[in-house]
Amino acid sequence: MDSLYLAWRYIVFNRIKTLTLITCITLICFLPLALKTLLSVSEQQLLARAAATELLVGAKGNPLDLAMNSLYFSNEQPDLITMQASERVYNSSLALPIPLYVRFQAREHPIVGTSVDYFDFRGLTLASGRHFAMLGECVIGADVAKKLNLNIGDKLLSSPKTLFDLGGIYPLQMTVTGVLKKSHSADDNAVFVDLKTTWVIEGLGHGHQDVEKITDKQSILSNKEKLVTASAKIKQYAEITTKNLESFHFHGDPSVYPISAVIAAPIDAKSATILMGRYLGKKERQQIIRPQSVIQELLNNIFQIKDFIDAIIWIVSGAMILALLLVFNLSFRLRQKEIDAIFHFGCNRLTIFQLMASEILIITLFSGILCGLGLLLLQQYQTVIFNFLFIK
């Protein structure tokens, strides 16, 4: 106890040196363990969402882009397919199709065009409000509501793809009808709308003012009996309300309207196998993938890099340990007069060794406590950290 007390008094007196040693030892222990924990959490999170999505249909191309865009709403843009792909899955009677159109954003949050079946498929429940029921309505994730401070009835404007949109596509002001409970997934960071709403943002559907009720003469080119000719000045609505909803219409065949992917929820394993076999033709322009296999392949590549990083960390940690031993050794050499004085006071070499060992023990103990607290905090907020690092 005497040795511990003397060691403690010495450590308290030399605060700066002690804090430096504690910081170095803590980092040596914490960094490899933290990296291992984060990679383990990342693997679990990525695989869990991929495993819950058994099949995914999209255009032929990079399956990783398709999986990342459809599962995590990333910025990777796979080639588009049409609604015929969803109808094809439905007509097969082998799986439930859930179309997705992930292309646009609202204040840096992805807009996900889909159907209400998506919420049941992902097990998402509402914290407040209701699901979207008409054009221009949206349901937002928990993180979107928190970051943008949005509540039921508030407005959210879609972001234009470019600063100057020569195609005449106007940002759409959407009404928030529901807020989802936090699911600790990519859904927390998304804005969900009906597919037709994304097509309105695309410019495939729009609404006009009632030309027969326009009083601005510059907006009317001619008005002959029942034939009214409007000018380019006529307003195209940037917000869909109950008053102008009936004026909205779409041009062309909706079956060829674009979507980015189709989640196919098969009835059983046999149905999944049969459905996959129908996309193996040489002239097939679509692909069907198992997201779990795609994400697992990605993780295998990541873990190859992780092994290399681990080796570097352990080498650096070993060098830091040697440096710390050198620091302790130099410290003891600089304190040689102090040690000689203790020896002349009648303390034997064992007592001196106990004093030095007590100092190292106390410093190591504090480092271990800090490292443990850091790992506990990391485990407590591991999902939040994963979302911050990997899900934007």
Foldseek 3Di string as FASTA:
>chain_A
DVLLVVLVVVCVVVVVVLVVLLVLLLCLPQVLVLVVVLLVVLLVQQLVQLQLQFKKKFFPDDVVLLLCCVRQVDQRADDKFFLVVQVVLVVVVFFHKWFWAWHWAFPPFIEIATDPVVCVSVVWDFPDFDCDDAAQEKEAAQQCCVVVVDDAQDWTWIDDPDPDDPVPQDIAIHGYGTYIDHDLGSRNRHIYDHNVNVVSSVVQKWFWDPQVPDPPPQQWPDDDPPDTHGDPPTDIDSYDDPVTRVRMDGDDDNRRDITGMIRTGGPDPVSVVVVQVVQPDPPRRMHMDSSSVVVVVVSVVVVVVVVVVSVVSVVVSVVSVVVSVVVLVVVCVVCVVVLVVVVVVPDDPVSVVSSSVSNVVVSSVSSVVVSVVVVVVCVVCVSVVSCVVPRD
